[in-house]
C-alpha atoms as a PDB file:
ATOM      1  CA  MET A   1      18.066  26.098  27.043  1.00  0.00           C
ATOM      2  CA  SER A   2      18.857  26.512  30.755  1.00  0.00           C
ATOM      3  CA  LYS A   3      16.475  28.049  33.380  1.00  0.00           C
ATOM      4  CA  THR A   4      18.309  31.275  33.259  1.00  0.00           C
ATOM      5  CA  GLN A   5      17.959  32.870  29.804  1.00  0.00           C
ATOM      6  CA  TYR A   6      20.143  35.729  28.791  1.00  0.00           C
ATOM      7  CA  PRO A   7      18.953  38.067  25.950  1.00  0.00           C
ATOM      8  CA  ASN A   8      22.479  38.700  24.849  1.00  0.00           C
ATOM      9  CA  GLU A   9      26.150  37.946  25.687  1.00  0.00           C
ATOM     10  CA  THR A  10      26.531  41.107  27.723  1.00  0.00           C
ATOM     11  CA  SER A  11      23.903  40.204  30.136  1.00  0.00           C
ATOM     12  CA  GLN A  12      25.481  36.731  30.521  1.00  0.00           C
ATOM     13  CA  ALA A  13      28.858  38.239  31.214  1.00  0.00           C
ATOM     14  CA  LEU A  14      27.382  40.621  33.802  1.00  0.00           C
ATOM     15  CA  ALA A  15      25.632  37.599  35.567  1.00  0.00           C
ATOM     16  CA  SER A  16      28.854  35.658  35.775  1.00  0.00           C
ATOM     17  CA  GLU A  17      30.718  38.711  37.242  1.00  0.00           C
ATOM     18  CA  ARG A  18      28.121  38.854  39.998  1.00  0.00           C
ATOM     19  CA  ASN A  19      28.682  35.206  40.943  1.00  0.00           C
ATOM     20  CA  PRO A  20      32.449  34.327  40.548  1.00  0.00           C
ATOM     21  CA  ALA A  21      32.103  31.360  42.821  1.00  0.00           C
ATOM     22  CA  LYS A  22      29.905  29.546  40.357  1.00  0.00           C
ATOM     23  CA  SER A  23      32.662  29.545  37.730  1.00  0.00           C
ATOM     24  CA  ILE A  24      35.060  27.928  40.160  1.00  0.00           C
ATOM     25  CA  ILE A  25      32.603  25.173  41.061  1.00  0.00           C
ATOM     26  CA  ASP A  26      31.782  24.573  37.412  1.00  0.00           C
ATOM     27  CA  THR A  27      35.416  24.020  36.583  1.00  0.00           C
ATOM     28  CA  ASP A  28      36.273  21.754  39.494  1.00  0.00           C
ATOM     29  CA  GLU A  29      33.568  19.532  40.941  1.00  0.00           C
ATOM     30  CA  ILE A  30      33.430  19.014  44.631  1.00  0.00           C
ATOM     31  CA  LEU A  31      32.796  15.407  45.680  1.00  0.00           C
ATOM     32  CA  THR A  32      31.617  13.893  48.971  1.00  0.00           C
ATOM     33  CA  GLU A  33      33.747  11.300  50.746  1.00  0.00           C
ATOM     34  CA  SER A  34      31.466   8.468  49.769  1.00  0.00           C
ATOM     35  CA  ALA A  35      31.068   9.567  46.213  1.00  0.00           C
ATOM     36  CA  THR A  36      34.876   9.814  45.890  1.00  0.00           C
ATOM     37  CA  ALA A  37      35.404   6.345  47.339  1.00  0.00           C
ATOM     38  CA  SER A  38      32.835   4.908  45.012  1.00  0.00           C
ATOM     39  CA  TRP A  39      34.414   6.676  41.966  1.00  0.00           C
ATOM     40  CA  VAL A  40      37.844   5.178  42.736  1.00  0.00           C
ATOM     41  CA  LYS A  41      36.190   1.730  43.439  1.00  0.00           C
ATOM     42  CA  MET A  42      37.204   1.516  47.075  1.00  0.00           C
ATOM     43  CA  SER A  43      35.235   0.910  50.239  1.00  0.00           C
ATOM     44  CA  LEU A  44      34.491   4.036  52.286  1.00  0.00           C
ATOM     45  CA  SER A  45      36.362   2.635  55.322  1.00  0.00           C
ATOM     46  CA  GLY A  46      39.437   1.928  53.180  1.00  0.00           C
ATOM     47  CA  PHE A  47      39.407   5.332  51.592  1.00  0.00           C
ATOM     48  CA  ARG A  48      39.066   6.923  55.119  1.00  0.00           C
ATOM     49  CA  LYS A  49      42.135   4.901  56.265  1.00  0.00           C
ATOM     50  CA  LEU A  50      44.118   6.448  53.394  1.00  0.00           C
ATOM     51  CA  ARG A  51      43.053   9.909  54.439  1.00  0.00           C
ATOM     52  CA  ARG A  52      43.836   9.355  58.074  1.00  0.00           C
ATOM     53  CA  SER A  53      47.277   7.947  57.218  1.00  0.00           C
ATOM     54  CA  ARG A  54      47.843  10.917  54.851  1.00  0.00           C
ATOM     55  CA  ARG A  55      48.346   8.593  51.811  1.00  0.00           C
ATOM     56  CA  GLY A  56      45.099   9.653  49.992  1.00  0.00           C
ATOM     57  CA  PRO A  57      44.306  12.663  47.841  1.00  0.00           C
ATOM     58  CA  ARG A  58      44.151  16.284  49.273  1.00  0.00           C
ATOM     59  CA  PHE A  59      40.864  16.952  51.001  1.00  0.00           C
ATOM     60  CA  ILE A  60      38.813  19.837  52.305  1.00  0.00           C
ATOM     61  CA  ARG A  61      37.271  20.032  55.793  1.00  0.00           C
ATOM     62  CA  VAL A  62      33.849  21.793  55.674  1.00  0.00           C
ATOM     63  CA  GLY A  63      32.017  22.928  58.766  1.00  0.00           C
ATOM     64  CA  GLY A  64      34.702  22.194  61.224  1.00  0.00           C
ATOM     65  CA  SER A  65      36.155  18.660  61.048  1.00  0.00           C
ATOM     66  CA  ARG A  66      32.930  16.657  60.410  1.00  0.00           C
ATOM     67  CA  LEU A  67      32.455  17.030  56.638  1.00  0.00           C
ATOM     68  CA  ILE A  68      35.134  15.895  54.273  1.00  0.00           C
ATOM     69  CA  ARG A  69      35.088  16.883  50.530  1.00  0.00           C
ATOM     70  CA  TYR A  70      37.383  16.342  47.656  1.00  0.00           C
ATOM     71  CA  LYS A  71      38.099  18.476  44.553  1.00  0.00           C
ATOM     72  CA  LYS A  72      37.824  16.207  41.509  1.00  0.00           C
ATOM     73  CA  SER A  73      41.126  17.585  40.071  1.00  0.00           C
ATOM     74  CA  ASP A  74      42.948  16.643  43.294  1.00  0.00           C
ATOM     75  CA  VAL A  75      41.644  13.047  43.175  1.00  0.00           C
ATOM     76  CA  GLU A  76      42.558  12.785  39.352  1.00  0.00           C
ATOM     77  CA  GLU A  77      46.040  14.032  40.208  1.00  0.00           C
ATOM     78  CA  TRP A  78      46.375  11.552  43.093  1.00  0.00           C
ATOM     79  CA  LEU A  79      45.184   8.761  40.901  1.00  0.00           C
ATOM     80  CA  SER A  80      47.677   9.630  38.156  1.00  0.00           C
ATOM     81  CA  GLN A  81      50.547   9.506  40.666  1.00  0.00           C
ATOM     82  CA  HIS A  82      49.485   5.986  41.728  1.00  0.00           C
ATOM     83  CA  VAL A  83      49.299   4.278  38.312  1.00  0.00           C
ATOM     84  CA  SER A  84      51.326   1.025  38.129  1.00  0.00           C
ATOM     85  CA  GLN A  85      53.856   0.981  35.302  1.00  0.00           C
END
């Protein structure tokens, strides 16, 4: 069982209402730039070139312009659009 134990379903529902951001994160994983490049089997520098040339997947800037993150669903969509026939 998880660290947070709920005595009944009502308590669990109330806990999820208090933290709606958790449900968003659970459904769509956020990946770092290096983790994403590794996942699609590319070098980090090559993956960055795709982002800079606007040919890569949609990305999120966190903390100004220094941190780049990717939603897993956006990367999956981008991959599906670039499958060879």
